[in-house]
Protein backbone atom coordinates (compact mmCIF):
# COMPACT_ATOMS: atom_id res chain seq x y z
CA UNK A 1 19.36 121.97 134.92
CA UNK A 2 20.16 121.86 131.21
CA UNK A 3 19.51 118.61 129.35
CA UNK A 4 22.50 116.88 127.77
CA UNK A 5 21.48 117.98 124.27
CA UNK A 6 20.91 121.58 125.44
CA UNK A 7 24.40 121.68 126.92
CA UNK A 8 25.91 120.37 123.68
CA UNK A 9 23.79 122.25 121.10
CA UNK A 10 24.00 126.02 121.42
CA UNK A 11 21.83 128.23 119.23
CA UNK A 12 22.83 131.67 117.97
CA UNK A 13 20.40 133.42 120.33
CA UNK A 14 21.31 131.41 123.45
CA UNK A 15 22.93 133.39 126.27
CA UNK A 16 25.85 130.94 126.23
CA UNK A 17 26.62 131.70 122.55
CA UNK A 18 29.21 134.29 123.66
CA UNK A 19 31.04 131.96 126.06
CA UNK A 20 34.38 131.18 124.43
CA UNK A 21 34.89 128.21 126.76
CA UNK A 22 31.79 126.57 125.23
CA UNK A 23 31.54 127.84 121.63
CA UNK A 24 35.17 128.78 120.93
CA UNK A 25 36.51 132.01 119.52
CA UNK A 26 34.78 131.74 116.16
CA UNK A 27 31.38 130.95 117.67
CA UNK A 28 31.60 133.83 120.14
CA UNK A 29 32.58 136.25 117.36
CA UNK A 30 29.52 135.19 115.35
CA UNK A 31 27.32 135.94 118.35
CA UNK A 32 28.84 139.42 118.60
CA UNK A 33 28.33 140.01 114.86
CA UNK A 34 24.69 139.03 115.17
CA UNK A 35 24.24 141.28 118.22
CA UNK A 36 25.72 144.16 116.22
CA UNK A 37 22.83 143.78 113.76
CA UNK A 38 24.91 142.40 110.90
CA UNK A 39 23.53 139.85 108.42
CA UNK A 40 25.09 136.57 109.55
CA UNK A 41 24.00 133.30 107.87
CA UNK A 42 22.02 131.11 110.30
CA UNK A 43 24.28 129.00 112.50
CA UNK A 44 24.49 126.95 115.67
CA UNK A 45 27.32 125.45 117.71
CA UNK A 46 28.20 122.01 118.93
CA UNK A 47 29.93 122.92 122.18
CA UNK A 48 33.38 121.85 123.33
CA UNK A 49 31.65 119.53 125.83
CA UNK A 50 30.69 117.27 122.90
CA UNK A 51 34.34 116.97 121.88
CA UNK A 52 35.40 116.09 125.43
CA UNK A 53 32.70 113.43 125.61
CA UNK A 54 33.69 111.97 122.23
CA UNK A 55 37.32 111.63 123.32
CA UNK A 56 36.32 110.17 126.69
CA UNK A 57 34.07 107.51 125.14
CA UNK A 58 37.05 106.33 123.12
CA UNK A 59 39.49 106.31 126.02
CA UNK A 60 41.18 109.65 125.50
CA UNK A 61 41.15 113.19 126.85
CA UNK A 62 42.49 116.45 125.48
CA UNK A 63 45.41 116.42 127.92
CA UNK A 64 46.23 112.78 127.20
CA UNK A 65 46.46 113.46 123.45
CA UNK A 66 48.53 116.60 124.03
CA UNK A 67 50.97 114.74 126.27
CA UNK A 68 51.20 111.60 124.11
CA UNK A 69 54.22 110.99 121.91
CA UNK A 70 53.81 112.12 118.32
CA UNK A 71 53.63 108.50 117.16
CA UNK A 72 51.00 107.54 119.75
CA UNK A 73 48.98 110.65 119.00
CA UNK A 74 48.97 110.00 115.25
CA UNK A 75 47.89 106.38 115.81
CA UNK A 76 45.07 107.57 118.06
CA UNK A 77 43.93 110.18 115.54
CA UNK A 78 43.71 107.56 112.78
CA UNK A 79 41.49 105.38 114.98
CA UNK A 80 39.36 108.28 116.21
CA UNK A 81 38.74 109.38 112.62
CA UNK A 82 36.98 106.04 112.03
CA UNK A 83 34.68 106.47 115.04
CA UNK A 84 31.04 107.57 115.05
CA UNK A 85 29.23 110.16 117.13
CA UNK A 86 27.40 108.75 120.15
CA UNK A 87 25.36 110.09 123.06
CA UNK A 88 21.81 111.24 123.71
CA UNK A 89 22.59 114.61 122.08
CA UNK A 90 23.48 113.07 118.69
CA UNK A 91 19.94 112.59 117.35
CA UNK A 92 18.89 116.18 118.25
CA UNK A 93 22.08 117.33 116.54
CA UNK A 94 21.31 115.32 113.42
CA UNK A 95 17.75 116.69 113.37
CA UNK A 96 19.09 120.24 113.66
CA UNK A 97 21.44 119.61 110.72
CA UNK A 98 18.59 118.13 108.65
CA UNK A 99 16.47 121.21 109.30
CA UNK A 100 19.26 123.53 108.18
CA UNK A 101 19.90 121.45 105.05
CA UNK A 102 16.21 121.55 104.15
CA UNK A 103 16.31 125.35 104.29
CA UNK A 104 19.64 126.03 102.60
CA UNK A 105 20.68 122.86 100.75
CA UNK A 106 24.25 123.00 102.03
CA UNK A 107 26.16 123.97 105.16
CA UNK A 108 29.66 124.89 106.26
CA UNK A 109 31.32 123.18 109.23
CA UNK A 110 33.99 125.30 110.93
CA UNK A 111 36.34 124.58 113.80
CA UNK A 112 35.97 126.95 116.75
CA UNK A 113 38.70 126.36 119.31
CA UNK A 114 38.82 128.25 122.58
CA UNK A 115 42.29 129.50 121.59
CA UNK A 116 41.18 130.44 118.08
CA UNK A 117 40.78 134.02 116.87
CA UNK A 118 41.74 135.66 120.16
CA UNK A 119 43.28 139.11 120.35
CA UNK A 120 46.47 137.54 121.68
CA UNK A 121 46.98 134.94 118.97
CA UNK A 122 44.96 134.16 115.86
CA UNK A 123 45.05 130.46 114.97
CA UNK A 124 43.68 131.21 111.47
CA UNK A 125 44.40 128.34 109.10
CA UNK A 126 45.54 125.98 111.86
CA UNK A 127 42.29 124.06 112.16
CA UNK A 128 39.61 122.84 109.75
CA UNK A 129 36.70 124.10 107.65
CA UNK A 130 34.48 122.01 105.35
CA UNK A 131 32.40 123.81 102.70
CA UNK A 132 29.21 122.89 100.89
CA UNK A 133 28.19 119.77 102.80
CA UNK A 134 24.82 118.46 101.66
CA UNK A 135 24.02 115.44 103.84
CA UNK A 136 23.94 114.66 107.54
CA UNK A 137 26.60 111.93 107.45
CA UNK A 138 29.09 114.27 105.76
CA UNK A 139 28.42 116.86 108.46
CA UNK A 140 28.99 114.30 111.23
CA UNK A 141 32.28 113.25 109.65
CA UNK A 142 33.30 116.90 109.30
CA UNK A 143 32.58 117.50 112.99
CA UNK A 144 34.97 114.71 113.96
CA UNK A 145 37.52 116.09 111.49
CA UNK A 146 37.28 119.52 113.13
CA UNK A 147 37.74 118.03 116.59
CA UNK A 148 40.80 116.06 115.54
CA UNK A 149 42.36 119.04 113.76
CA UNK A 150 43.00 120.41 117.25
CA UNK A 151 45.73 117.77 117.57
CA UNK A 152 47.31 118.03 114.11
CA UNK A 153 51.09 118.48 114.20
CA UNK A 154 51.06 122.03 112.81
CA UNK A 155 48.32 123.12 115.23
CA UNK A 156 50.16 121.57 118.18
CA UNK A 157 53.40 123.33 117.23
CA UNK A 158 51.59 126.66 116.93
CA UNK A 159 49.84 126.13 120.28
CA UNK A 160 53.22 125.41 121.88
CA UNK A 161 54.65 128.60 120.37
CA UNK A 162 51.70 130.58 121.75
CA UNK A 163 51.97 128.79 125.12
CA UNK A 164 48.37 127.55 124.88
CA UNK A 165 49.05 123.83 124.59
CA UNK A 166 47.61 123.08 128.06
CA UNK A 167 44.46 125.11 127.44
CA UNK A 168 42.82 123.50 124.42
CA UNK A 169 39.13 122.83 123.68
CA UNK A 170 37.27 122.56 120.38
CA UNK A 171 33.70 123.54 119.54
CA UNK A 172 32.23 123.34 116.02
CA UNK A 173 30.10 125.87 114.13
CA UNK A 174 27.52 124.59 111.63
CA UNK A 175 26.47 127.48 109.38
CA UNK A 176 24.27 127.95 106.34
CA UNK A 177 26.43 127.92 103.20
CA UNK A 178 26.37 131.07 101.05
CA UNK A 179 27.14 130.31 97.35
CA UNK A 180 28.79 133.69 96.87
CA UNK A 181 28.88 135.70 93.65
CA UNK A 182 31.61 137.88 95.19
CA UNK A 183 33.49 137.40 98.44
CA UNK A 184 36.51 138.62 100.31
CA UNK A 185 37.98 140.03 103.49
CA UNK A 186 37.73 143.35 105.29
CA UNK A 187 40.33 144.69 107.70
CA UNK A 188 39.19 147.58 109.89
CA UNK A 189 42.85 148.47 110.39
CA UNK A 190 45.35 148.55 107.51
CA UNK A 191 47.13 145.19 108.04
CA UNK A 192 50.24 146.35 106.18
CA UNK A 193 50.84 149.75 107.80
CA UNK A 194 48.83 149.14 111.03
CA UNK A 195 47.10 152.48 110.38
CA UNK A 196 43.93 152.58 112.53
CA UNK A 197 42.57 155.37 110.30
CA UNK A 198 42.41 153.12 107.23
CA UNK A 199 40.31 150.07 106.40
CA UNK A 200 41.22 147.64 103.61
CA UNK A 201 38.73 145.63 101.54
CA UNK A 202 39.86 142.75 99.30
CA UNK A 203 37.39 141.17 96.87
CA UNK A 204 37.27 138.48 94.19
CA UNK A 205 34.61 136.70 92.15
CA UNK A 206 33.15 133.53 93.64
CA UNK A 207 33.77 132.01 97.06
CA UNK A 208 36.14 133.66 99.51
CA UNK A 209 38.22 130.50 99.76
CA UNK A 210 39.56 131.29 96.29
CA UNK A 211 41.06 134.48 97.67
CA UNK A 212 42.23 132.99 100.97
CA UNK A 213 43.94 130.07 99.19
CA UNK A 214 45.79 132.41 96.83
CA UNK A 215 43.99 131.14 93.71
CA UNK A 216 42.50 134.57 92.96
CA UNK A 217 44.48 137.83 92.93
CA UNK A 218 41.88 140.17 94.48
CA UNK A 219 40.90 143.78 94.03
CA UNK A 220 42.10 145.94 96.90
CA UNK A 221 40.44 149.10 98.21
CA UNK A 222 42.02 151.30 100.90
CA UNK A 223 39.41 153.41 102.68
CA UNK A 224 40.03 156.36 105.02
CA UNK A 225 38.21 156.62 108.35
CA UNK A 226 35.87 159.21 106.77
CA UNK A 227 35.00 156.45 104.24
CA UNK A 228 36.75 157.99 101.22
CA UNK A 229 38.40 155.39 98.95
CA UNK A 230 42.01 156.60 98.83
CA UNK A 231 43.54 153.77 96.77
CA UNK A 232 42.21 151.10 94.40
CA UNK A 233 44.04 148.16 92.83
CA UNK A 234 42.19 145.90 90.38
CA UNK A 235 43.49 142.35 90.72
CA UNK A 236 43.71 139.81 87.91
CA UNK A 237 40.94 137.56 89.29
CA UNK A 238 41.51 135.17 86.38
CA UNK A 239 40.19 132.14 88.27
CA UNK A 240 37.78 131.56 91.12
CA UNK A 241 36.01 128.94 93.21
CA UNK A 242 32.27 128.57 92.63
CA UNK A 243 29.42 126.43 93.92
CA UNK A 244 28.02 123.98 91.38
CA UNK A 245 24.40 123.44 92.50
CA UNK A 246 23.83 120.58 90.05
CA UNK A 247 26.73 118.48 91.31
CA UNK A 248 26.60 119.96 94.84
CA UNK A 249 30.29 120.72 94.99
CA UNK A 250 32.80 123.56 94.92
CA UNK A 251 34.71 123.81 91.65
CA UNK A 252 37.46 125.96 90.19
CA UNK A 253 36.62 127.94 87.05
CA UNK A 254 38.30 130.41 84.73
CA UNK A 255 36.60 133.81 84.89
CA UNK A 256 35.51 135.63 81.70
CA UNK A 257 38.14 138.11 80.53
CA UNK A 258 35.96 141.13 81.28
CA UNK A 259 35.63 139.93 84.89
CA UNK A 260 39.39 140.25 85.24
CA UNK A 261 39.37 143.93 84.27
CA UNK A 262 36.19 144.85 86.17
CA UNK A 263 36.09 145.73 89.87
CA UNK A 264 34.25 143.04 91.81
CA UNK A 265 32.64 145.69 94.06
CA UNK A 266 30.91 149.00 93.48
CA UNK A 267 31.90 152.02 95.58
CA UNK A 268 28.58 151.72 97.40
CA UNK A 269 29.33 148.10 98.31
CA UNK A 270 32.80 149.04 99.55
CA UNK A 271 31.27 151.76 101.72
CA UNK A 272 28.63 149.39 103.10
CA UNK A 273 31.25 146.80 103.98
CA UNK A 274 33.42 149.33 105.79
CA UNK A 275 30.39 150.62 107.72
CA UNK A 276 29.60 147.03 108.77
CA UNK A 277 33.22 146.48 109.75
CA UNK A 278 33.30 149.50 112.02
CA UNK A 279 30.04 148.37 113.65
CA UNK A 280 31.68 145.04 114.41
CA UNK A 281 34.86 146.73 115.68
CA UNK A 282 32.83 148.95 118.00
CA UNK A 283 30.92 145.96 119.36
CA UNK A 284 34.01 143.82 120.02
CA UNK A 285 36.38 146.63 120.99
CA UNK A 286 39.35 145.96 118.71
CA UNK A 287 40.25 146.00 114.97
CA UNK A 288 38.67 143.14 113.03
CA UNK A 289 39.55 140.80 110.16
CA UNK A 290 36.17 139.95 108.63
CA UNK A 291 35.23 137.41 105.96
CA UNK A 292 32.16 138.38 103.93
CA UNK A 293 30.18 137.21 100.92
CA UNK A 294 27.68 138.73 98.51
CA UNK A 295 24.87 136.66 97.05
CA UNK A 296 22.28 138.33 94.82
CA UNK A 297 23.36 141.78 96.08
CA UNK A 298 22.93 140.84 99.75
CA UNK A 299 26.03 141.15 101.94
CA UNK A 300 26.65 138.43 104.54
CA UNK A 301 29.28 138.42 107.27
CA UNK A 302 30.60 134.86 107.54
CA UNK A 303 33.12 135.14 110.36
CA UNK A 304 35.44 137.59 112.07
CA UNK A 305 38.54 137.59 114.22
CA UNK A 306 40.63 140.22 115.99
CA UNK A 307 43.61 141.53 114.02
CA UNK A 308 46.78 140.45 115.79
CA UNK A 309 50.10 142.24 115.37
């Protein structure tokens, strides 16, 4: 029988790391990426069982929060946000976080709901991600924030639209933070034309969140299935988000003018990314939307999700 901490803490190489019911969609995708031989920053999961226990200790359950009135739910979320983690698994979790911080200096905490990033409905942007956390207490607070984001109004409305409101569970991914020099997204199917014979790579200087948030206008490369670049657009990239290692925080900066005119990726890097994307697609069995980062010329795959129509 698994110990309580073993059931709550799931490592990347555990057999259960692909079980969506335990690690959520994002966690399971990371396990598939790793199995495909891609360079994924070290990570582990706090399973959805930990979230259920947290709610239970404080007199709630997932279904009770879902069925509560909006006013009652918001009141409960305010109180739960003030709570602390408890249980015999908490100290092993804190030790695991400390070990990762000693190695990398900072981590990312990502929501990983069981309904997130499925082929039927991508809940991208509905839940929570915290970047560049440098101490254990901040990570613990971020974990609770991820759990509670499952019940935010916008997430609840989206779950109702997707008819998944009665099937909700939230795991959390804790992953080594990559202070990217260049980052972006890769689609193994053209997301605009839905052409399966084209991949699209978007890239900008700094952290990928600058691109995702709309701060940076990225470069865009359209690549044929035979890996020829058939179209290139150089984006403005006038500003970006960067990691400040001295102050241990993410900050917005203006890019040098020559950065704006220069492609953020070489043709070799574009080709390598597309090759990695197709390896992921083959492993999972459907077109993928992949977030990646480059640090000191090493390409990392941060997360992936199926492309939904």
